[in-house]
N, C-alpha and C. Protein backbone atom coordinates (compact mmCIF):
# COMPACT_ATOMS: atom_id res chain seq x y z
N GLN A 1 -48.41 -150.69 141.98
CA GLN A 1 -49.44 -149.71 142.23
C GLN A 1 -50.51 -150.26 143.15
N GLU A 2 -51.01 -151.47 142.84
CA GLU A 2 -52.06 -152.04 143.67
C GLU A 2 -51.58 -152.23 145.10
N SER A 3 -50.33 -152.66 145.25
CA SER A 3 -49.77 -152.86 146.59
C SER A 3 -49.74 -151.54 147.37
N ALA A 4 -49.32 -150.48 146.72
CA ALA A 4 -49.27 -149.17 147.38
C ALA A 4 -50.66 -148.69 147.76
N LEU A 5 -51.64 -148.90 146.88
CA LEU A 5 -53.01 -148.47 147.17
C LEU A 5 -53.60 -149.28 148.32
N LEU A 6 -53.33 -150.59 148.33
CA LEU A 6 -53.82 -151.42 149.42
C LEU A 6 -53.19 -150.99 150.75
N ALA A 7 -51.89 -150.72 150.72
CA ALA A 7 -51.20 -150.28 151.94
C ALA A 7 -51.73 -148.93 152.41
N PHE A 8 -51.98 -148.02 151.48
CA PHE A 8 -52.54 -146.72 151.83
C PHE A 8 -53.92 -146.90 152.47
N SER A 9 -54.76 -147.74 151.86
CA SER A 9 -56.10 -148.00 152.41
C SER A 9 -56.00 -148.61 153.80
N ALA A 10 -55.08 -149.53 153.99
CA ALA A 10 -54.90 -150.14 155.31
C ALA A 10 -54.48 -149.09 156.33
N GLY A 11 -53.60 -148.16 155.93
CA GLY A 11 -53.18 -147.10 156.83
C GLY A 11 -54.33 -146.20 157.23
N VAL A 12 -55.17 -145.84 156.26
CA VAL A 12 -56.33 -145.00 156.56
C VAL A 12 -57.29 -145.73 157.50
N MET A 13 -57.54 -147.00 157.23
CA MET A 13 -58.45 -147.76 158.07
C MET A 13 -57.90 -147.94 159.48
N LEU A 14 -56.60 -148.19 159.58
CA LEU A 14 -55.96 -148.35 160.89
C LEU A 14 -56.03 -147.04 161.67
N ALA A 15 -55.74 -145.93 161.02
CA ALA A 15 -55.82 -144.63 161.69
C ALA A 15 -57.25 -144.34 162.13
N ALA A 16 -58.21 -144.65 161.27
CA ALA A 16 -59.62 -144.43 161.63
C ALA A 16 -60.01 -145.29 162.83
N ALA A 17 -59.56 -146.53 162.84
CA ALA A 17 -59.89 -147.41 163.97
C ALA A 17 -59.28 -146.90 165.27
N ILE A 18 -58.06 -146.42 165.20
CA ILE A 18 -57.40 -145.96 166.43
C ILE A 18 -57.99 -144.63 166.89
N PHE A 19 -58.05 -143.64 165.99
CA PHE A 19 -58.47 -142.31 166.39
C PHE A 19 -59.97 -142.17 166.59
N ALA A 20 -60.76 -142.92 165.85
CA ALA A 20 -62.21 -142.75 165.93
C ALA A 20 -62.90 -143.80 166.79
N LEU A 21 -62.20 -144.90 167.11
CA LEU A 21 -62.85 -145.95 167.88
C LEU A 21 -62.10 -146.30 169.17
N LEU A 22 -60.82 -146.64 169.07
CA LEU A 22 -60.10 -147.09 170.26
C LEU A 22 -59.87 -145.96 171.27
N LEU A 23 -59.39 -144.82 170.82
CA LEU A 23 -59.15 -143.72 171.76
C LEU A 23 -60.45 -143.22 172.42
N PRO A 24 -61.55 -143.04 171.66
CA PRO A 24 -62.80 -142.68 172.33
C PRO A 24 -63.29 -143.79 173.28
N SER A 25 -63.02 -145.05 172.96
CA SER A 25 -63.39 -146.13 173.85
C SER A 25 -62.64 -146.03 175.17
N LEU A 26 -61.36 -145.74 175.08
CA LEU A 26 -60.56 -145.55 176.31
C LEU A 26 -61.09 -144.37 177.12
N ALA A 27 -61.39 -143.25 176.46
CA ALA A 27 -61.90 -142.07 177.16
C ALA A 27 -63.25 -142.35 177.82
N ALA A 28 -64.14 -143.02 177.09
CA ALA A 28 -65.46 -143.34 177.65
C ALA A 28 -65.32 -144.30 178.82
N GLY A 29 -64.40 -145.26 178.72
CA GLY A 29 -64.16 -146.19 179.83
C GLY A 29 -63.64 -145.48 181.06
N GLN A 30 -62.76 -144.49 180.86
CA GLN A 30 -62.24 -143.75 182.00
C GLN A 30 -63.34 -142.95 182.68
N VAL A 31 -64.21 -142.33 181.90
CA VAL A 31 -65.33 -141.59 182.48
C VAL A 31 -66.26 -142.54 183.22
N MET A 32 -66.53 -143.67 182.62
CA MET A 32 -67.45 -144.64 183.22
C MET A 32 -66.88 -145.21 184.52
N LEU A 33 -65.57 -145.41 184.57
CA LEU A 33 -64.95 -146.04 185.74
C LEU A 33 -64.27 -145.04 186.67
N ALA A 34 -64.52 -143.74 186.49
CA ALA A 34 -63.83 -142.72 187.28
C ALA A 34 -64.04 -142.91 188.78
N ALA A 35 -65.21 -143.30 189.19
CA ALA A 35 -65.51 -143.43 190.62
C ALA A 35 -64.90 -144.69 191.24
N THR A 36 -64.41 -145.60 190.42
CA THR A 36 -63.91 -146.87 190.96
C THR A 36 -62.46 -146.81 191.40
N GLY A 37 -61.70 -145.81 190.95
CA GLY A 37 -60.30 -145.72 191.31
C GLY A 37 -59.38 -146.49 190.39
N VAL A 38 -59.93 -147.21 189.43
CA VAL A 38 -59.13 -147.95 188.46
C VAL A 38 -59.48 -147.51 187.04
N ALA A 39 -59.67 -146.20 186.89
CA ALA A 39 -60.19 -145.69 185.62
C ALA A 39 -59.28 -146.03 184.45
N GLN A 40 -57.97 -145.81 184.58
CA GLN A 40 -57.09 -146.02 183.44
C GLN A 40 -56.91 -147.51 183.13
N THR A 41 -56.59 -148.30 184.14
CA THR A 41 -56.38 -149.74 183.87
C THR A 41 -57.70 -150.42 183.52
N GLY A 42 -58.78 -150.01 184.18
CA GLY A 42 -60.08 -150.60 183.87
C GLY A 42 -60.54 -150.27 182.46
N ALA A 43 -60.32 -149.01 182.05
CA ALA A 43 -60.70 -148.61 180.69
C ALA A 43 -59.86 -149.35 179.67
N ALA A 44 -58.58 -149.52 179.95
CA ALA A 44 -57.71 -150.27 179.03
C ALA A 44 -58.15 -151.73 178.95
N ALA A 45 -58.52 -152.31 180.10
CA ALA A 45 -58.97 -153.70 180.10
C ALA A 45 -60.29 -153.85 179.35
N LEU A 46 -61.21 -152.92 179.59
CA LEU A 46 -62.51 -152.96 178.91
C LEU A 46 -62.35 -152.80 177.41
N THR A 47 -61.52 -151.85 176.99
CA THR A 47 -61.27 -151.63 175.56
C THR A 47 -60.59 -152.85 174.95
N SER A 48 -59.62 -153.42 175.67
CA SER A 48 -58.93 -154.62 175.17
C SER A 48 -59.90 -155.79 175.02
N LEU A 49 -60.79 -155.94 175.99
CA LEU A 49 -61.79 -157.02 175.91
C LEU A 49 -62.68 -156.83 174.68
N GLY A 50 -63.15 -155.61 174.46
CA GLY A 50 -63.98 -155.34 173.28
C GLY A 50 -63.22 -155.60 171.99
N LEU A 51 -61.96 -155.19 171.95
CA LEU A 51 -61.12 -155.42 170.77
C LEU A 51 -60.94 -156.91 170.51
N LEU A 52 -60.66 -157.66 171.56
CA LEU A 52 -60.47 -159.11 171.41
C LEU A 52 -61.76 -159.80 170.99
N LEU A 53 -62.89 -159.38 171.53
CA LEU A 53 -64.17 -159.97 171.13
C LEU A 53 -64.47 -159.68 169.66
N GLY A 54 -64.19 -158.45 169.23
CA GLY A 54 -64.38 -158.10 167.82
C GLY A 54 -63.48 -158.92 166.91
N MET A 55 -62.22 -159.08 167.31
CA MET A 55 -61.29 -159.89 166.51
C MET A 55 -61.76 -161.34 166.47
N GLY A 56 -62.21 -161.85 167.61
CA GLY A 56 -62.71 -163.23 167.65
C GLY A 56 -63.91 -163.42 166.75
N LEU A 57 -64.82 -162.44 166.75
CA LEU A 57 -65.99 -162.52 165.88
C LEU A 57 -65.56 -162.57 164.42
N MET A 58 -64.62 -161.71 164.03
CA MET A 58 -64.15 -161.69 162.64
C MET A 58 -63.45 -163.00 162.27
N LEU A 59 -62.67 -163.57 163.17
CA LEU A 59 -62.03 -164.86 162.90
C LEU A 59 -63.07 -165.97 162.75
N ALA A 60 -64.10 -165.95 163.61
CA ALA A 60 -65.16 -166.94 163.51
C ALA A 60 -65.91 -166.83 162.18
N ILE A 61 -66.21 -165.60 161.77
CA ILE A 61 -66.87 -165.38 160.48
C ILE A 61 -65.97 -165.86 159.35
N ASP A 62 -64.66 -165.57 159.45
CA ASP A 62 -63.71 -165.99 158.42
C ASP A 62 -63.68 -167.51 158.29
N LYS A 63 -63.77 -168.21 159.41
CA LYS A 63 -63.74 -169.68 159.37
C LYS A 63 -65.07 -170.27 158.93
N ALA A 64 -66.17 -169.63 159.31
CA ALA A 64 -67.49 -170.22 159.08
C ALA A 64 -68.04 -169.99 157.68
N LEU A 65 -67.72 -168.86 157.07
CA LEU A 65 -68.33 -168.53 155.79
C LEU A 65 -67.38 -168.83 154.63
N PRO A 66 -67.89 -169.38 153.55
CA PRO A 66 -67.05 -169.61 152.37
C PRO A 66 -66.68 -168.27 151.75
N HIS A 67 -65.44 -168.18 151.32
CA HIS A 67 -64.97 -166.93 150.74
C HIS A 67 -63.71 -167.16 149.93
N GLU A 68 -63.27 -166.12 149.28
CA GLU A 68 -62.06 -166.18 148.48
C GLU A 68 -61.09 -165.12 148.96
N HIS A 69 -59.80 -165.43 148.86
CA HIS A 69 -58.75 -164.47 149.12
C HIS A 69 -58.11 -164.17 147.78
N ALA A 70 -58.26 -162.95 147.31
CA ALA A 70 -57.79 -162.61 145.97
C ALA A 70 -56.29 -162.80 145.80
N VAL A 71 -55.52 -162.74 146.88
CA VAL A 71 -54.07 -162.83 146.77
C VAL A 71 -53.57 -164.27 146.88
N LEU A 72 -54.46 -165.21 147.13
CA LEU A 72 -54.06 -166.61 147.27
C LEU A 72 -54.35 -167.38 145.99
N PRO A 73 -53.54 -168.40 145.71
CA PRO A 73 -53.86 -169.25 144.55
C PRO A 73 -55.15 -170.03 144.83
N PRO A 74 -55.85 -170.46 143.76
CA PRO A 74 -57.15 -171.11 143.94
C PRO A 74 -57.11 -172.34 144.84
N ALA A 75 -56.00 -173.06 144.92
CA ALA A 75 -55.94 -174.28 145.73
C ALA A 75 -55.55 -173.99 147.17
N ALA A 76 -55.29 -172.74 147.54
CA ALA A 76 -54.85 -172.42 148.90
C ALA A 76 -55.97 -172.62 149.90
N GLN A 77 -55.55 -172.89 151.14
CA GLN A 77 -56.52 -173.06 152.22
C GLN A 77 -57.32 -171.77 152.39
N GLY A 78 -58.62 -171.87 152.53
CA GLY A 78 -59.47 -170.71 152.68
C GLY A 78 -60.15 -170.31 151.39
N HIS A 79 -59.74 -170.90 150.29
CA HIS A 79 -60.36 -170.62 149.00
C HIS A 79 -61.50 -171.60 148.76
N THR A 80 -62.55 -171.12 148.14
CA THR A 80 -63.60 -172.04 147.71
C THR A 80 -63.17 -172.62 146.38
N THR A 81 -63.24 -173.94 146.27
CA THR A 81 -62.76 -174.59 145.05
C THR A 81 -63.83 -175.46 144.40
N GLN A 82 -65.07 -175.36 144.85
CA GLN A 82 -66.09 -176.25 144.33
C GLN A 82 -66.58 -175.89 142.94
N TRP A 83 -66.16 -174.74 142.39
CA TRP A 83 -66.68 -174.31 141.11
C TRP A 83 -65.82 -174.83 139.96
N THR A 84 -66.49 -175.27 138.91
CA THR A 84 -65.81 -175.71 137.70
C THR A 84 -65.98 -174.63 136.64
N ALA A 85 -65.38 -174.83 135.50
CA ALA A 85 -65.52 -173.85 134.42
C ALA A 85 -66.99 -173.68 134.05
N ALA A 86 -67.76 -174.77 134.10
CA ALA A 86 -69.18 -174.70 133.76
C ALA A 86 -69.97 -173.92 134.80
N GLY A 87 -69.44 -173.80 136.00
CA GLY A 87 -70.16 -173.09 137.05
C GLY A 87 -69.66 -171.68 137.27
N GLU A 88 -69.03 -171.08 136.28
CA GLU A 88 -68.48 -169.72 136.44
C GLU A 88 -69.57 -168.71 136.79
N ALA A 89 -70.75 -168.83 136.21
CA ALA A 89 -71.83 -167.90 136.53
C ALA A 89 -72.21 -168.03 138.00
N ARG A 90 -72.22 -169.28 138.47
CA ARG A 90 -72.53 -169.51 139.88
C ARG A 90 -71.45 -168.92 140.78
N ALA A 91 -70.20 -169.05 140.36
CA ALA A 91 -69.09 -168.49 141.14
C ALA A 91 -69.20 -166.97 141.19
N GLN A 92 -69.57 -166.34 140.07
CA GLN A 92 -69.73 -164.89 140.05
C GLN A 92 -70.87 -164.48 140.96
N ALA A 93 -71.95 -165.24 140.96
CA ALA A 93 -73.07 -164.93 141.85
C ALA A 93 -72.64 -165.06 143.31
N GLN A 94 -71.85 -166.08 143.61
CA GLN A 94 -71.37 -166.25 144.99
C GLN A 94 -70.51 -165.06 145.40
N ARG A 95 -69.62 -164.62 144.53
CA ARG A 95 -68.77 -163.47 144.86
C ARG A 95 -69.61 -162.22 145.07
N SER A 96 -70.62 -162.03 144.24
CA SER A 96 -71.48 -160.85 144.38
C SER A 96 -72.24 -160.88 145.70
N TRP A 97 -72.81 -162.04 146.04
CA TRP A 97 -73.55 -162.15 147.30
C TRP A 97 -72.61 -162.01 148.50
N MET A 98 -71.38 -162.51 148.38
CA MET A 98 -70.42 -162.34 149.47
C MET A 98 -70.08 -160.87 149.67
N MET A 99 -70.01 -160.11 148.58
CA MET A 99 -69.75 -158.68 148.70
C MET A 99 -70.91 -158.00 149.42
N VAL A 100 -72.12 -158.34 149.07
CA VAL A 100 -73.29 -157.77 149.73
C VAL A 100 -73.27 -158.14 151.21
N LEU A 101 -73.02 -159.40 151.53
CA LEU A 101 -72.98 -159.85 152.92
C LEU A 101 -71.85 -159.17 153.69
N ALA A 102 -70.70 -159.02 153.06
CA ALA A 102 -69.57 -158.36 153.74
C ALA A 102 -69.91 -156.92 154.10
N ILE A 103 -70.55 -156.21 153.20
CA ILE A 103 -70.92 -154.82 153.48
C ILE A 103 -71.97 -154.77 154.59
N LEU A 104 -72.92 -155.72 154.57
CA LEU A 104 -73.94 -155.75 155.63
C LEU A 104 -73.30 -155.99 156.99
N ILE A 105 -72.37 -156.95 157.05
CA ILE A 105 -71.68 -157.24 158.31
C ILE A 105 -70.85 -156.04 158.73
N HIS A 106 -70.22 -155.39 157.77
CA HIS A 106 -69.39 -154.23 158.05
C HIS A 106 -70.22 -153.07 158.62
N ASN A 107 -71.46 -152.96 158.20
CA ASN A 107 -72.30 -151.85 158.64
C ASN A 107 -72.88 -152.05 160.04
N LEU A 108 -72.88 -153.26 160.56
CA LEU A 108 -73.43 -153.52 161.89
C LEU A 108 -72.71 -152.71 162.97
N PRO A 109 -71.38 -152.76 163.07
CA PRO A 109 -70.74 -151.94 164.11
C PRO A 109 -70.89 -150.44 163.87
N GLU A 110 -71.03 -150.04 162.61
CA GLU A 110 -71.25 -148.62 162.35
C GLU A 110 -72.60 -148.18 162.91
N GLY A 111 -73.62 -149.00 162.75
CA GLY A 111 -74.92 -148.69 163.34
C GLY A 111 -74.85 -148.64 164.85
N LEU A 112 -74.08 -149.55 165.43
CA LEU A 112 -73.90 -149.53 166.89
C LEU A 112 -73.19 -148.26 167.33
N ALA A 113 -72.21 -147.81 166.54
CA ALA A 113 -71.49 -146.58 166.88
C ALA A 113 -72.43 -145.37 166.84
N VAL A 114 -73.31 -145.31 165.85
CA VAL A 114 -74.27 -144.21 165.77
C VAL A 114 -75.21 -144.26 166.99
N GLY A 115 -75.69 -145.46 167.32
CA GLY A 115 -76.56 -145.59 168.49
C GLY A 115 -75.86 -145.18 169.77
N ALA A 116 -74.60 -145.58 169.92
CA ALA A 116 -73.85 -145.20 171.12
C ALA A 116 -73.63 -143.70 171.18
N ALA A 117 -73.36 -143.09 170.03
CA ALA A 117 -73.15 -141.63 170.00
C ALA A 117 -74.43 -140.90 170.38
N TYR A 118 -75.58 -141.36 169.90
CA TYR A 118 -76.84 -140.72 170.25
C TYR A 118 -77.24 -140.98 171.70
N SER A 119 -76.80 -142.11 172.25
CA SER A 119 -77.15 -142.40 173.64
C SER A 119 -76.32 -141.56 174.59
N GLY A 120 -75.13 -141.14 174.13
CA GLY A 120 -74.27 -140.34 175.00
C GLY A 120 -73.62 -141.16 176.08
N ALA A 121 -73.63 -142.48 175.94
CA ALA A 121 -73.07 -143.37 176.96
C ALA A 121 -71.62 -143.02 177.23
N GLY A 122 -71.34 -142.74 178.47
CA GLY A 122 -69.97 -142.48 178.89
C GLY A 122 -69.48 -141.08 178.57
N LEU A 123 -70.28 -140.24 177.92
CA LEU A 123 -69.81 -138.91 177.54
C LEU A 123 -70.02 -137.89 178.66
N GLY A 124 -71.01 -138.12 179.49
CA GLY A 124 -71.31 -137.15 180.53
C GLY A 124 -71.80 -135.82 179.98
N VAL A 125 -72.34 -135.82 178.77
CA VAL A 125 -72.81 -134.59 178.12
C VAL A 125 -74.31 -134.72 177.90
N PRO A 126 -75.11 -134.03 178.70
CA PRO A 126 -76.57 -134.18 178.54
C PRO A 126 -77.11 -133.36 177.38
N GLY A 127 -78.31 -133.70 176.97
CA GLY A 127 -79.10 -132.89 176.06
C GLY A 127 -78.50 -132.63 174.70
N GLU A 128 -78.36 -131.35 174.37
CA GLU A 128 -77.97 -130.92 173.03
C GLU A 128 -76.61 -131.46 172.61
N GLY A 129 -75.66 -131.60 173.54
CA GLY A 129 -74.34 -132.14 173.22
C GLY A 129 -74.41 -133.55 172.68
N VAL A 130 -75.29 -134.35 173.25
CA VAL A 130 -75.46 -135.73 172.79
C VAL A 130 -76.04 -135.75 171.39
N ARG A 131 -77.05 -134.89 171.14
CA ARG A 131 -77.65 -134.84 169.81
C ARG A 131 -76.63 -134.39 168.76
N GLN A 132 -75.80 -133.41 169.10
CA GLN A 132 -74.78 -132.95 168.16
C GLN A 132 -73.75 -134.03 167.89
N THR A 133 -73.32 -134.72 168.94
CA THR A 133 -72.35 -135.81 168.77
C THR A 133 -72.95 -136.92 167.91
N GLY A 134 -74.18 -137.30 168.23
CA GLY A 134 -74.84 -138.35 167.45
C GLY A 134 -75.02 -137.96 166.00
N ALA A 135 -75.43 -136.72 165.76
CA ALA A 135 -75.62 -136.25 164.39
C ALA A 135 -74.30 -136.21 163.64
N SER A 136 -73.23 -135.80 164.30
CA SER A 136 -71.91 -135.75 163.65
C SER A 136 -71.44 -137.15 163.26
N VAL A 137 -71.59 -138.10 164.17
CA VAL A 137 -71.19 -139.47 163.88
C VAL A 137 -72.06 -140.06 162.77
N ALA A 138 -73.36 -139.82 162.84
CA ALA A 138 -74.26 -140.35 161.81
C ALA A 138 -73.93 -139.76 160.44
N LEU A 139 -73.65 -138.47 160.38
CA LEU A 139 -73.31 -137.83 159.11
C LEU A 139 -71.99 -138.40 158.56
N ALA A 140 -70.99 -138.52 159.42
CA ALA A 140 -69.69 -139.04 158.97
C ALA A 140 -69.82 -140.47 158.44
N ILE A 141 -70.54 -141.30 159.16
CA ILE A 141 -70.71 -142.69 158.72
C ILE A 141 -71.58 -142.75 157.47
N GLY A 142 -72.60 -141.91 157.41
CA GLY A 142 -73.45 -141.87 156.22
C GLY A 142 -72.67 -141.49 154.97
N LEU A 143 -71.82 -140.47 155.08
CA LEU A 143 -71.01 -140.07 153.93
C LEU A 143 -70.05 -141.17 153.51
N GLN A 144 -69.46 -141.83 154.50
CA GLN A 144 -68.52 -142.90 154.20
C GLN A 144 -69.23 -144.12 153.60
N ASN A 145 -70.51 -144.28 153.91
CA ASN A 145 -71.27 -145.43 153.41
C ASN A 145 -71.74 -145.26 151.97
N MET A 146 -71.71 -144.05 151.44
CA MET A 146 -72.19 -143.85 150.07
C MET A 146 -71.41 -144.69 149.05
N PRO A 147 -70.08 -144.68 149.06
CA PRO A 147 -69.37 -145.54 148.10
C PRO A 147 -69.62 -147.02 148.35
N GLU A 148 -69.79 -147.39 149.62
CA GLU A 148 -70.09 -148.79 149.92
C GLU A 148 -71.44 -149.19 149.35
N GLY A 149 -72.42 -148.29 149.42
CA GLY A 149 -73.72 -148.56 148.84
C GLY A 149 -73.64 -148.75 147.34
N LEU A 150 -72.79 -147.97 146.69
CA LEU A 150 -72.61 -148.14 145.25
C LEU A 150 -72.00 -149.50 144.93
N ILE A 151 -71.09 -149.97 145.78
CA ILE A 151 -70.50 -151.30 145.57
C ILE A 151 -71.57 -152.37 145.66
N VAL A 152 -72.44 -152.26 146.67
CA VAL A 152 -73.52 -153.24 146.81
C VAL A 152 -74.47 -153.16 145.62
N ALA A 153 -74.80 -151.95 145.19
CA ALA A 153 -75.69 -151.79 144.04
C ALA A 153 -75.08 -152.42 142.80
N MET A 154 -73.78 -152.22 142.59
CA MET A 154 -73.13 -152.81 141.42
C MET A 154 -73.12 -154.34 141.51
N ALA A 155 -72.90 -154.86 142.72
CA ALA A 155 -72.91 -156.32 142.89
C ALA A 155 -74.29 -156.88 142.58
N LEU A 156 -75.33 -156.21 143.08
CA LEU A 156 -76.69 -156.68 142.81
C LEU A 156 -77.04 -156.57 141.33
N ARG A 157 -76.61 -155.50 140.67
CA ARG A 157 -76.86 -155.35 139.23
C ARG A 157 -76.16 -156.45 138.45
N SER A 158 -74.93 -156.84 138.89
CA SER A 158 -74.22 -157.91 138.19
C SER A 158 -74.92 -159.24 138.35
N LEU A 159 -75.77 -159.36 139.37
CA LEU A 159 -76.57 -160.57 139.55
C LEU A 159 -77.86 -160.51 138.74
N GLY A 160 -78.08 -159.40 138.03
CA GLY A 160 -79.27 -159.27 137.21
C GLY A 160 -80.46 -158.69 137.95
N LYS A 161 -80.23 -158.15 139.15
CA LYS A 161 -81.33 -157.56 139.91
C LYS A 161 -81.71 -156.22 139.30
N GLY A 162 -82.93 -155.80 139.54
CA GLY A 162 -83.43 -154.56 138.95
C GLY A 162 -82.82 -153.32 139.55
N VAL A 163 -83.01 -152.22 138.87
CA VAL A 163 -82.45 -150.93 139.29
C VAL A 163 -83.05 -150.51 140.64
N VAL A 164 -84.36 -150.69 140.80
CA VAL A 164 -85.02 -150.26 142.03
C VAL A 164 -84.49 -151.05 143.22
N LEU A 165 -84.39 -152.36 143.09
CA LEU A 165 -83.87 -153.19 144.18
C LEU A 165 -82.42 -152.82 144.47
N SER A 166 -81.61 -152.65 143.44
CA SER A 166 -80.21 -152.31 143.63
C SER A 166 -80.06 -150.95 144.31
N TRP A 167 -80.87 -149.98 143.89
CA TRP A 167 -80.81 -148.65 144.49
C TRP A 167 -81.24 -148.74 145.97
N GLY A 168 -82.28 -149.49 146.24
CA GLY A 168 -82.76 -149.64 147.63
C GLY A 168 -81.74 -150.30 148.50
């Protein structure tokens, strides 16, 4: 069951990345480079560069920050192993703070997407069209962020933080 749910989630995320991010990136690149005569190849190159930079950033974060892989045994490479049985509370606190940090890092590109939608960069749609596009993207990301906010609130509550701080 867990495997099927993880695969389903991966499929949804992959579809969202392709349909909501990569394809619009290609379209915006073509509009931006239309006057250059290399709109299609230039847009593909620009989108590929952005994709590679994003992947590189995620790999760098993966290498630089301590974390756990739930599917790996505790002694596997990439696992934090400094905790003993006596430090279980500390390990739980680390996991909770990593969840909060992961959601914060995850929200950075979403904020950039909202800003780009409101700026209308590459859309060629002045005025009201830009505001509608920006509002639509902001609403969609805001709705999707509600469950993520609950995850952060639960992580903070598990650390013993107050209701007001967790809600904020």
